[in-house]
Amino acid sequence: MKGVNGIIDSHIHLYPPEATVDPSGWAKKRGEFYWPSLVMPKLGRRSSQGWVDLNRLLRDMDEAGVEKAVLLGWYWENHETCVNQNRFYGKCIQAHADRLMAFAAICPSSGAELSLTELEWSRDNGFIGVGELCPYVQGGSFDDRDWGAVFTWAMENEFIVNLHVSEPVGRNYPGKVETPLLDFQKMIEKFSELKFILAHLGGGLALYEANWAIRKTFKNVFYDTAASPLIYRRNVFGAVALSAGPDKMLFGSDYPLILYPKTESEPNLKRFVGEVKSSGLSQLEIAKLLRTNAEKVFGIS
């Protein structure tokens, strides 16, 4: 396979073709209001997303040396949108089982019965996890019965959970959601046997693993690097390796998010891979970040 050198991308988004053709109309039809506020062009600014299809994704993966990718759902506000997303992903992983894995989209605030039925469909159709989830957009809280039912089901069925986490400091930007880090600590303590991936380096929570109490509680927590070039300096990878340990980071690009908007107008997965390789990590740490950690988390042999 040309260009492939074994990288695993743990955080990719891909939208159904009708959403790519007409994002605003697709979202309006489904009552999705948060997502278009992030991805639609604004006055004087182009879209933060590259509107790609499945074939473009596979080509960009080849060019960047990405062998496998995890298709993440989105934190949709409506159950029907989740179903639409999941059926599309089901077709993608069926057609390219050697390249793609998938996490299910669900909206727990729509009710536990609907969420669990959809999770069962996803499990039976080859999905390996659930997320990206965010109660601060989808409604409710980690303490709610419906969210607890989802986490309990995931634990019993060995599903991995990916949660969106924003850093509590720094500038405001579209997509930055208030996500109180203490909420995550309490929830992870309650479901300590469940395997979590906290997106975007856990909004900085990865750095708190230098704290003994967090380190002990977060034994099954991992952190993906999605959108890092937009948020952090390159030395963040070394800082996380020191605080959380090099075994807890997963390469995630947030593709097709445009990571270098000052100089580029298209997603550039290859550039981000190059940035990781030149970040100052040791060769062993780079290998763990780009592949071997994901092999263990996702059970890839």
C-alpha atoms as a PDB file:
ATOM      1  CA  MET A   1       0.000   0.000   0.000  1.00  0.00           C
ATOM      2  CA  LYS A   2       1.771   3.128  -1.221  1.00  0.00           C
ATOM      3  CA  GLY A   3       2.841   5.589   1.437  1.00  0.00           C
ATOM      4  CA  VAL A   4       1.567   3.625   4.399  1.00  0.00           C
ATOM      5  CA  ASN A   5       3.981   3.155   7.291  1.00  0.00           C
ATOM      6  CA  GLY A   6       1.668   1.990  10.014  1.00  0.00           C
ATOM      7  CA  ILE A   7       0.377   5.162  11.708  1.00  0.00           C
ATOM      8  CA  ILE A   8      -3.001   4.906  13.465  1.00  0.00           C
ATOM      9  CA  ASP A   9      -5.119   8.059  13.637  1.00  0.00           C
ATOM     10  CA  SER A  10      -7.491   7.832  16.612  1.00  0.00           C
ATOM     11  CA  HIS A  11      -9.605  10.904  15.839  1.00  0.00           C
ATOM     12  CA  ILE A  12     -11.099  11.384  12.362  1.00  0.00           C
ATOM     13  CA  HIS A  13     -14.469  12.868  11.423  1.00  0.00           C
ATOM     14  CA  LEU A  14     -16.321  12.128   8.207  1.00  0.00           C
ATOM     15  CA  TYR A  15     -19.830  13.277   7.431  1.00  0.00           C
ATOM     16  CA  PRO A  16     -22.539  11.707   5.278  1.00  0.00           C
ATOM     17  CA  PRO A  17     -22.360  12.859   1.636  1.00  0.00           C
ATOM     18  CA  GLU A  18     -25.513  14.968   1.899  1.00  0.00           C
ATOM     19  CA  ALA A  19     -23.987  16.869   4.847  1.00  0.00           C
ATOM     20  CA  THR A  20     -20.824  17.550   2.879  1.00  0.00           C
ATOM     21  CA  VAL A  21     -22.777  18.885  -0.120  1.00  0.00           C
ATOM     22  CA  ASP A  22     -25.065  21.157   1.918  1.00  0.00           C
ATOM     23  CA  PRO A  23     -23.928  21.362   5.564  1.00  0.00           C
ATOM     24  CA  SER A  24     -26.292  24.159   6.538  1.00  0.00           C
ATOM     25  CA  GLY A  25     -29.365  22.629   4.926  1.00  0.00           C
ATOM     26  CA  TRP A  26     -28.576  19.158   6.264  1.00  0.00           C
ATOM     27  CA  ALA A  27     -28.167  20.464   9.804  1.00  0.00           C
ATOM     28  CA  LYS A  28     -31.280  22.656   9.665  1.00  0.00           C
ATOM     29  CA  LYS A  29     -33.384  19.740   8.447  1.00  0.00           C
ATOM     30  CA  ARG A  30     -32.295  17.700  11.466  1.00  0.00           C
ATOM     31  CA  GLY A  31     -32.526  20.411  14.088  1.00  0.00           C
ATOM     32  CA  GLU A  32     -28.775  20.551  14.614  1.00  0.00           C
ATOM     33  CA  PHE A  33     -27.820  24.079  15.643  1.00  0.00           C
ATOM     34  CA  TYR A  34     -24.449  23.777  17.348  1.00  0.00           C
ATOM     35  CA  TRP A  35     -22.525  21.967  14.599  1.00  0.00           C
ATOM     36  CA  PRO A  36     -23.168  24.504  11.807  1.00  0.00           C
ATOM     37  CA  SER A  37     -22.112  27.315  14.143  1.00  0.00           C
ATOM     38  CA  LEU A  38     -18.667  25.691  14.106  1.00  0.00           C
ATOM     39  CA  VAL A  39     -18.238  24.577  10.535  1.00  0.00           C
ATOM     40  CA  MET A  40     -20.050  27.137   8.386  1.00  0.00           C
ATOM     41  CA  PRO A  41     -18.104  30.094   6.955  1.00  0.00           C
ATOM     42  CA  LYS A  42     -18.575  33.397   8.746  1.00  0.00           C
ATOM     43  CA  LEU A  43     -18.172  36.932   7.457  1.00  0.00           C
ATOM     44  CA  GLY A  44     -14.555  37.307   6.402  1.00  0.00           C
ATOM     45  CA  ARG A  45     -13.684  33.743   7.432  1.00  0.00           C
ATOM     46  CA  ARG A  46     -13.794  30.490   5.515  1.00  0.00           C
ATOM     47  CA  SER A  47     -15.003  27.211   6.986  1.00  0.00           C
ATOM     48  CA  SER A  48     -12.781  25.559   9.555  1.00  0.00           C
ATOM     49  CA  GLN A  49     -13.484  22.217   7.856  1.00  0.00           C
ATOM     50  CA  GLY A  50     -12.278  20.629   4.681  1.00  0.00           C
ATOM     51  CA  TRP A  51     -15.359  19.103   3.053  1.00  0.00           C
ATOM     52  CA  VAL A  52     -13.960  15.740   2.046  1.00  0.00           C
ATOM     53  CA  ASP A  53     -15.458  12.445   0.969  1.00  0.00           C
ATOM     54  CA  LEU A  54     -14.355   8.913   1.787  1.00  0.00           C
ATOM     55  CA  ASN A  55     -12.065   8.615  -1.229  1.00  0.00           C
ATOM     56  CA  ARG A  56     -10.289  11.860  -0.339  1.00  0.00           C
ATOM     57  CA  LEU A  57      -9.828  10.654   3.230  1.00  0.00           C
ATOM     58  CA  LEU A  58      -8.188   7.428   2.056  1.00  0.00           C
ATOM     59  CA  ARG A  59      -5.890   9.334  -0.309  1.00  0.00           C
ATOM     60  CA  ASP A  60      -4.826  11.726   2.433  1.00  0.00           C
ATOM     61  CA  MET A  61      -4.226   8.811   4.788  1.00  0.00           C
ATOM     62  CA  ASP A  62      -1.952   7.194   2.210  1.00  0.00           C
ATOM     63  CA  GLU A  63      -0.020  10.418   1.652  1.00  0.00           C
ATOM     64  CA  ALA A  64       0.510  10.895   5.398  1.00  0.00           C
ATOM     65  CA  GLY A  65       1.445   7.275   6.056  1.00  0.00           C
ATOM     66  CA  VAL A  66      -1.695   6.565   8.084  1.00  0.00           C
ATOM     67  CA  GLU A  67      -2.582   2.884   7.821  1.00  0.00           C
ATOM     68  CA  LYS A  68      -5.711   2.876   9.980  1.00  0.00           C
ATOM     69  CA  ALA A  69      -8.090   5.527  11.276  1.00  0.00           C
ATOM     70  CA  VAL A  70     -10.899   5.689  13.804  1.00  0.00           C
ATOM     71  CA  LEU A  71     -14.025   7.400  12.491  1.00  0.00           C
ATOM     72  CA  LEU A  72     -15.509   9.289  15.416  1.00  0.00           C
ATOM     73  CA  GLY A  73     -19.119  10.248  15.704  1.00  0.00           C
ATOM     74  CA  TRP A  74     -20.080  13.776  16.628  1.00  0.00           C
ATOM     75  CA  TYR A  75     -21.884  15.106  19.698  1.00  0.00           C
ATOM     76  CA  TRP A  76     -25.140  15.566  17.838  1.00  0.00           C
ATOM     77  CA  GLU A  77     -28.146  17.097  19.563  1.00  0.00           C
ATOM     78  CA  ASN A  78     -30.715  14.655  18.138  1.00  0.00           C
ATOM     79  CA  HIS A  79     -30.972  10.878  18.125  1.00  0.00           C
ATOM     80  CA  GLU A  80     -32.019  10.717  14.444  1.00  0.00           C
ATOM     81  CA  THR A  81     -28.834  12.508  13.400  1.00  0.00           C
ATOM     82  CA  CYS A  82     -26.796   9.947  15.314  1.00  0.00           C
ATOM     83  CA  VAL A  83     -28.555   7.115  13.506  1.00  0.00           C
ATOM     84  CA  ASN A  84     -27.861   8.782  10.155  1.00  0.00           C
ATOM     85  CA  GLN A  85     -24.181   9.189  11.026  1.00  0.00           C
ATOM     86  CA  ASN A  86     -23.852   5.610  12.244  1.00  0.00           C
ATOM     87  CA  ARG A  87     -25.454   4.051   9.182  1.00  0.00           C
ATOM     88  CA  PHE A  88     -23.004   5.970   7.013  1.00  0.00           C
ATOM     89  CA  TYR A  89     -20.073   4.803   9.134  1.00  0.00           C
ATOM     90  CA  GLY A  90     -21.351   1.242   8.984  1.00  0.00           C
ATOM     91  CA  LYS A  91     -21.019   1.322   5.199  1.00  0.00           C
ATOM     92  CA  CYS A  92     -17.552   2.885   5.427  1.00  0.00           C
ATOM     93  CA  ILE A  93     -16.070   0.255   7.720  1.00  0.00           C
ATOM     94  CA  GLN A  94     -17.733  -2.549   5.818  1.00  0.00           C
ATOM     95  CA  ALA A  95     -16.132  -1.339   2.584  1.00  0.00           C
ATOM     96  CA  HIS A  96     -12.707  -0.651   4.120  1.00  0.00           C
ATOM     97  CA  ALA A  97     -12.366  -2.922   7.127  1.00  0.00           C
ATOM     98  CA  ASP A  98      -8.591  -2.995   6.683  1.00  0.00           C
ATOM     99  CA  ARG A  99      -8.313   0.800   7.013  1.00  0.00           C
ATOM    100  CA  LEU A 100     -11.192   2.081   9.130  1.00  0.00           C
ATOM    101  CA  MET A 101     -12.695   1.557  12.575  1.00  0.00           C
ATOM    102  CA  ALA A 102     -15.681   3.427  13.980  1.00  0.00           C
ATOM    103  CA  PHE A 103     -17.116   4.871  17.167  1.00  0.00           C
ATOM    104  CA  ALA A 104     -20.872   5.297  17.423  1.00  0.00           C
ATOM    105  CA  ALA A 105     -22.631   8.636  17.694  1.00  0.00           C
ATOM    106  CA  ILE A 106     -25.355   8.765  20.335  1.00  0.00           C
ATOM    107  CA  CYS A 107     -27.225  11.484  22.234  1.00  0.00           C
ATOM    108  CA  PRO A 108     -27.741  10.176  25.787  1.00  0.00           C
ATOM    109  CA  SER A 109     -30.113  13.013  26.662  1.00  0.00           C
ATOM    110  CA  SER A 110     -32.553  11.550  24.084  1.00  0.00           C
ATOM    111  CA  GLY A 111     -33.132   8.732  26.557  1.00  0.00           C
ATOM    112  CA  ALA A 112     -31.316   5.600  27.648  1.00  0.00           C
ATOM    113  CA  GLU A 113     -33.556   3.239  25.683  1.00  0.00           C
ATOM    114  CA  LEU A 114     -32.819   4.901  22.343  1.00  0.00           C
ATOM    115  CA  SER A 115     -29.106   5.206  23.119  1.00  0.00           C
ATOM    116  CA  LEU A 116     -28.677   1.591  24.196  1.00  0.00           C
ATOM    117  CA  THR A 117     -30.596   0.281  21.189  1.00  0.00           C
ATOM    118  CA  GLU A 118     -28.287   2.239  18.916  1.00  0.00           C
ATOM    119  CA  LEU A 119     -25.214   1.070  20.783  1.00  0.00           C
ATOM    120  CA  GLU A 120     -26.306  -2.533  20.364  1.00  0.00           C
ATOM    121  CA  TRP A 121     -26.752  -1.989  16.626  1.00  0.00           C
ATOM    122  CA  SER A 122     -23.294  -0.430  16.479  1.00  0.00           C
ATOM    123  CA  ARG A 123     -21.676  -3.289  18.400  1.00  0.00           C
ATOM    124  CA  ASP A 124     -23.337  -5.846  16.129  1.00  0.00           C
ATOM    125  CA  ASN A 125     -22.071  -3.995  13.066  1.00  0.00           C
ATOM    126  CA  GLY A 126     -18.412  -3.846  13.996  1.00  0.00           C
ATOM    127  CA  PHE A 127     -18.086  -0.564  15.901  1.00  0.00           C
ATOM    128  CA  ILE A 128     -15.576  -0.533  18.767  1.00  0.00           C
ATOM    129  CA  GLY A 129     -16.536   2.496  20.839  1.00  0.00           C
ATOM    130  CA  VAL A 130     -18.806   5.460  21.386  1.00  0.00           C
ATOM    131  CA  GLY A 131     -18.113   9.176  21.013  1.00  0.00           C
ATOM    132  CA  GLU A 132     -17.080  11.869  20.658  1.00  0.00           C
ATOM    133  CA  LEU A 133     -19.586  12.810  23.406  1.00  0.00           C
ATOM    134  CA  CYS A 134     -20.172  16.136  25.147  1.00  0.00           C
ATOM    135  CA  PRO A 135     -23.029  16.667  27.637  1.00  0.00           C
ATOM    136  CA  TYR A 136     -22.415  20.413  27.646  1.00  0.00           C
ATOM    137  CA  VAL A 137     -23.704  20.503  24.056  1.00  0.00           C
ATOM    138  CA  GLN A 138     -25.957  17.439  23.982  1.00  0.00           C
ATOM    139  CA  GLY A 139     -27.775  18.192  27.213  1.00  0.00           C
ATOM    140  CA  GLY A 140     -27.755  16.754  30.691  1.00  0.00           C
ATOM    141  CA  SER A 141     -24.709  15.912  32.763  1.00  0.00           C
ATOM    142  CA  PHE A 142     -22.501  12.969  33.662  1.00  0.00           C
ATOM    143  CA  ASP A 143     -24.592  12.529  36.814  1.00  0.00           C
ATOM    144  CA  ASP A 144     -27.801  11.890  34.892  1.00  0.00           C
ATOM    145  CA  ARG A 145     -29.326   8.416  34.719  1.00  0.00           C
ATOM    146  CA  ASP A 146     -29.220   8.339  30.905  1.00  0.00           C
ATOM    147  CA  TRP A 147     -25.513   9.140  30.772  1.00  0.00           C
ATOM    148  CA  GLY A 148     -24.799   6.613  33.488  1.00  0.00           C
ATOM    149  CA  ALA A 149     -26.683   3.933  31.559  1.00  0.00           C
ATOM    150  CA  VAL A 150     -24.483   4.589  28.506  1.00  0.00           C
ATOM    151  CA  PHE A 151     -21.270   4.327  30.525  1.00  0.00           C
ATOM    152  CA  THR A 152     -22.465   1.167  32.256  1.00  0.00           C
ATOM    153  CA  TRP A 153     -23.345  -0.433  28.909  1.00  0.00           C
ATOM    154  CA  ALA A 154     -19.955   0.584  27.469  1.00  0.00           C
ATOM    155  CA  MET A 155     -18.147  -0.964  30.423  1.00  0.00           C
ATOM    156  CA  GLU A 156     -20.110  -4.219  30.173  1.00  0.00           C
ATOM    157  CA  ASN A 157     -19.546  -4.454  26.407  1.00  0.00           C
ATOM    158  CA  GLU A 158     -15.902  -3.322  26.398  1.00  0.00           C
ATOM    159  CA  PHE A 159     -16.675  -0.258  24.321  1.00  0.00           C
ATOM    160  CA  ILE A 160     -14.198   2.620  24.514  1.00  0.00           C
ATOM    161  CA  VAL A 161     -15.641   6.077  25.247  1.00  0.00           C
ATOM    162  CA  ASN A 162     -14.275   9.235  23.620  1.00  0.00           C
ATOM    163  CA  LEU A 163     -15.205  12.517  25.319  1.00  0.00           C
ATOM    164  CA  HIS A 164     -14.762  16.036  24.006  1.00  0.00           C
ATOM    165  CA  VAL A 165     -12.799  18.181  26.470  1.00  0.00           C
ATOM    166  CA  SER A 166     -11.883  21.854  26.040  1.00  0.00           C
ATOM    167  CA  GLU A 167      -9.080  23.576  27.909  1.00  0.00           C
ATOM    168  CA  PRO A 168     -10.382  25.980  30.593  1.00  0.00           C
ATOM    169  CA  VAL A 169      -7.797  28.664  29.810  1.00  0.00           C
ATOM    170  CA  GLY A 170      -6.610  30.565  26.745  1.00  0.00           C
ATOM    171  CA  ARG A 171      -8.572  32.233  23.971  1.00  0.00           C
ATOM    172  CA  ASN A 172     -12.165  31.631  23.053  1.00  0.00           C
ATOM    173  CA  TYR A 173     -12.854  30.081  19.649  1.00  0.00           C
ATOM    174  CA  PRO A 174     -15.682  28.254  17.837  1.00  0.00           C
ATOM    175  CA  GLY A 175     -15.884  24.781  19.312  1.00  0.00           C
ATOM    176  CA  LYS A 176     -14.480  25.670  22.699  1.00  0.00           C
ATOM    177  CA  VAL A 177     -17.077  24.302  25.097  1.00  0.00           C
ATOM    178  CA  GLU A 178     -17.042  24.910  28.823  1.00  0.00           C
ATOM    179  CA  THR A 179     -16.124  21.473  30.161  1.00  0.00           C
ATOM    180  CA  PRO A 180     -15.367  21.669  33.902  1.00  0.00           C
ATOM    181  CA  LEU A 181     -12.443  19.354  34.493  1.00  0.00           C
ATOM    182  CA  LEU A 182     -13.690  18.413  37.956  1.00  0.00           C
ATOM    183  CA  ASP A 183     -16.772  16.864  36.325  1.00  0.00           C
ATOM    184  CA  PHE A 184     -14.509  14.519  34.396  1.00  0.00           C
ATOM    185  CA  GLN A 185     -12.551  13.554  37.499  1.00  0.00           C
ATOM    186  CA  LYS A 186     -15.727  12.625  39.393  1.00  0.00           C
ATOM    187  CA  MET A 187     -17.161  10.681  36.456  1.00  0.00           C
ATOM    188  CA  ILE A 188     -13.932   8.768  35.798  1.00  0.00           C
ATOM    189  CA  GLU A 189     -13.658   7.877  39.482  1.00  0.00           C
ATOM    190  CA  LYS A 190     -17.194   6.457  39.311  1.00  0.00           C
ATOM    191  CA  PHE A 191     -16.482   4.414  36.166  1.00  0.00           C
ATOM    192  CA  SER A 192     -12.823   3.671  36.838  1.00  0.00           C
ATOM    193  CA  GLU A 193     -12.853   0.337  34.961  1.00  0.00           C
ATOM    194  CA  LEU A 194     -14.151   1.926  31.757  1.00  0.00           C
ATOM    195  CA  LYS A 195     -11.614   2.809  29.090  1.00  0.00           C
ATOM    196  CA  PHE A 196     -11.824   6.526  28.233  1.00  0.00           C
ATOM    197  CA  ILE A 197     -10.138   8.621  25.582  1.00  0.00           C
ATOM    198  CA  LEU A 198     -10.192  12.311  26.442  1.00  0.00           C
ATOM    199  CA  ALA A 199      -9.961  14.275  23.214  1.00  0.00           C
ATOM    200  CA  HIS A 200      -7.714  17.304  22.694  1.00  0.00           C
ATOM    201  CA  LEU A 201      -5.238  16.102  25.345  1.00  0.00           C
ATOM    202  CA  GLY A 202      -8.078  16.155  27.828  1.00  0.00           C
ATOM    203  CA  GLY A 203      -8.281  19.930  27.868  1.00  0.00           C
ATOM    204  CA  GLY A 204      -5.018  19.874  29.815  1.00  0.00           C
ATOM    205  CA  LEU A 205      -6.116  17.107  32.178  1.00  0.00           C
ATOM    206  CA  ALA A 206      -3.237  15.006  30.864  1.00  0.00           C
ATOM    207  CA  LEU A 207      -0.853  17.378  32.603  1.00  0.00           C
ATOM    208  CA  TYR A 208      -2.606  16.794  35.931  1.00  0.00           C
ATOM    209  CA  GLU A 209      -1.538  13.162  35.902  1.00  0.00           C
ATOM    210  CA  ALA A 210       1.537  14.476  37.701  1.00  0.00           C
ATOM    211  CA  ASN A 211      -0.859  14.596  40.666  1.00  0.00           C
ATOM    212  CA  TRP A 212      -0.723  11.285  42.562  1.00  0.00           C
ATOM    213  CA  ALA A 213      -4.493  11.070  43.107  1.00  0.00           C
ATOM    214  CA  ILE A 214      -5.288  11.701  39.446  1.00  0.00           C
ATOM    215  CA  ARG A 215      -2.630   9.263  38.317  1.00  0.00           C
ATOM    216  CA  LYS A 216      -4.143   6.478  40.413  1.00  0.00           C
ATOM    217  CA  THR A 217      -7.740   7.174  39.372  1.00  0.00           C
ATOM    218  CA  PHE A 218      -7.010   7.678  35.674  1.00  0.00           C
ATOM    219  CA  LYS A 219      -5.461   4.260  35.095  1.00  0.00           C
ATOM    220  CA  ASN A 220      -7.768   3.593  32.100  1.00  0.00           C
ATOM    221  CA  VAL A 221      -7.675   7.087  30.626  1.00  0.00           C
ATOM    222  CA  PHE A 222      -5.884   7.996  27.405  1.00  0.00           C
ATOM    223  CA  TYR A 223      -5.469  11.291  25.582  1.00  0.00           C
ATOM    224  CA  ASP A 224      -5.645  12.018  21.873  1.00  0.00           C
ATOM    225  CA  THR A 225      -3.819  14.880  20.220  1.00  0.00           C
ATOM    226  CA  ALA A 226      -6.749  16.114  18.098  1.00  0.00           C
ATOM    227  CA  ALA A 227      -6.484  19.771  17.035  1.00  0.00           C
ATOM    228  CA  SER A 228      -3.245  20.247  19.000  1.00  0.00           C
ATOM    229  CA  PRO A 229      -1.606  22.628  16.467  1.00  0.00           C
ATOM    230  CA  LEU A 230      -4.519  25.032  16.949  1.00  0.00           C
ATOM    231  CA  ILE A 231      -4.201  25.036  20.735  1.00  0.00           C
ATOM    232  CA  TYR A 232      -0.707  24.153  21.905  1.00  0.00           C
ATOM    233  CA  ARG A 233       2.941  24.655  21.110  1.00  0.00           C
ATOM    234  CA  ARG A 234       4.759  21.601  19.823  1.00  0.00           C
ATOM    235  CA  ASN A 235       6.462  20.952  23.173  1.00  0.00           C
ATOM    236  CA  VAL A 236       3.103  19.880  24.641  1.00  0.00           C
ATOM    237  CA  PHE A 237       3.803  16.308  23.521  1.00  0.00           C
ATOM    238  CA  GLY A 238       6.913  16.149  25.668  1.00  0.00           C
ATOM    239  CA  ALA A 239       5.091  17.720  28.596  1.00  0.00           C
ATOM    240  CA  VAL A 240       2.325  15.108  28.429  1.00  0.00           C
ATOM    241  CA  ALA A 241       4.870  12.303  28.067  1.00  0.00           C
ATOM    242  CA  LEU A 242       6.464  13.490  31.312  1.00  0.00           C
ATOM    243  CA  SER A 243       3.236  13.974  33.278  1.00  0.00           C
ATOM    244  CA  ALA A 244       0.957  11.188  32.034  1.00  0.00           C
ATOM    245  CA  GLY A 245       3.604   8.942  30.523  1.00  0.00           C
ATOM    246  CA  PRO A 246       4.353   8.106  26.880  1.00  0.00           C
ATOM    247  CA  ASP A 247       2.002   5.096  26.975  1.00  0.00           C
ATOM    248  CA  LYS A 248      -1.122   7.248  27.368  1.00  0.00           C
ATOM    249  CA  MET A 249      -1.000   9.445  24.263  1.00  0.00           C
ATOM    250  CA  LEU A 250      -2.798   8.596  21.032  1.00  0.00           C
ATOM    251  CA  PHE A 251      -2.229  10.338  17.743  1.00  0.00           C
ATOM    252  CA  GLY A 252      -5.440  12.014  16.624  1.00  0.00           C
ATOM    253  CA  SER A 253      -5.661  14.640  13.922  1.00  0.00           C
ATOM    254  CA  ASP A 254      -9.297  15.849  14.032  1.00  0.00           C
ATOM    255  CA  TYR A 255      -9.239  15.542  10.230  1.00  0.00           C
ATOM    256  CA  PRO A 256     -10.714  17.207   8.169  1.00  0.00           C
ATOM    257  CA  LEU A 257     -10.314  20.164  10.522  1.00  0.00           C
ATOM    258  CA  ILE A 258      -7.931  22.704   9.017  1.00  0.00           C
ATOM    259  CA  LEU A 259      -5.082  22.703  11.523  1.00  0.00           C
ATOM    260  CA  TYR A 260      -2.975  25.441   9.938  1.00  0.00           C
ATOM    261  CA  PRO A 261      -5.509  28.086   8.879  1.00  0.00           C
ATOM    262  CA  LYS A 262      -2.991  30.942   8.681  1.00  0.00           C
ATOM    263  CA  THR A 263      -1.136  29.294   5.819  1.00  0.00           C
ATOM    264  CA  GLU A 264      -3.461  26.609   4.412  1.00  0.00           C
ATOM    265  CA  SER A 265      -7.065  26.294   3.270  1.00  0.00           C
ATOM    266  CA  GLU A 266      -7.227  22.475   3.151  1.00  0.00           C
ATOM    267  CA  PRO A 267      -6.727  19.773   5.788  1.00  0.00           C
ATOM    268  CA  ASN A 268      -3.103  18.632   5.946  1.00  0.00           C
ATOM    269  CA  LEU A 269      -2.749  15.334   7.750  1.00  0.00           C
ATOM    270  CA  LYS A 270       0.797  14.835   6.455  1.00  0.00           C
ATOM    271  CA  ARG A 271       2.039  18.092   7.980  1.00  0.00           C
ATOM    272  CA  PHE A 272       0.710  17.183  11.411  1.00  0.00           C
ATOM    273  CA  VAL A 273       2.410  13.776  11.265  1.00  0.00           C
ATOM    274  CA  GLY A 274       5.645  15.557  10.414  1.00  0.00           C
ATOM    275  CA  GLU A 275       5.179  17.904  13.346  1.00  0.00           C
ATOM    276  CA  VAL A 276       4.862  14.978  15.740  1.00  0.00           C
ATOM    277  CA  LYS A 277       7.983  13.349  14.330  1.00  0.00           C
ATOM    278  CA  SER A 278       9.976  16.558  14.847  1.00  0.00           C
ATOM    279  CA  SER A 279       8.549  17.373  18.276  1.00  0.00           C
ATOM    280  CA  GLY A 280      11.600  16.324  20.270  1.00  0.00           C
ATOM    281  CA  LEU A 281      10.160  13.038  21.513  1.00  0.00           C
ATOM    282  CA  SER A 282      12.432  10.003  21.426  1.00  0.00           C
ATOM    283  CA  GLN A 283      11.996   7.515  18.613  1.00  0.00           C
ATOM    284  CA  LEU A 284      10.366   5.072  21.030  1.00  0.00           C
ATOM    285  CA  GLU A 285       7.947   7.730  22.256  1.00  0.00           C
ATOM    286  CA  ILE A 286       7.075   8.694  18.672  1.00  0.00           C
ATOM    287  CA  ALA A 287       6.410   5.045  17.815  1.00  0.00           C
ATOM    288  CA  LYS A 288       4.113   4.734  20.824  1.00  0.00           C
ATOM    289  CA  LEU A 289       2.249   7.924  19.988  1.00  0.00           C
ATOM    290  CA  LEU A 290       1.812   7.143  16.292  1.00  0.00           C
ATOM    291  CA  ARG A 291       0.941   3.462  16.553  1.00  0.00           C
ATOM    292  CA  THR A 292       1.733   1.097  19.392  1.00  0.00           C
ATOM    293  CA  ASN A 293      -0.393   2.793  22.061  1.00  0.00           C
ATOM    294  CA  ALA A 294      -3.385   2.639  19.716  1.00  0.00           C
ATOM    295  CA  GLU A 295      -2.727  -1.037  19.023  1.00  0.00           C
ATOM    296  CA  LYS A 296      -3.149  -1.754  22.727  1.00  0.00           C
ATOM    297  CA  VAL A 297      -6.149   0.522  23.277  1.00  0.00           C
ATOM    298  CA  PHE A 298      -8.066  -0.701  20.234  1.00  0.00           C
ATOM    299  CA  GLY A 299      -6.924  -4.323  20.392  1.00  0.00           C
ATOM    300  CA  ILE A 300      -5.166  -4.289  17.024  1.00  0.00           C
ATOM    301  CA  SER A 301      -2.920  -7.300  16.506  1.00  0.00           C
END
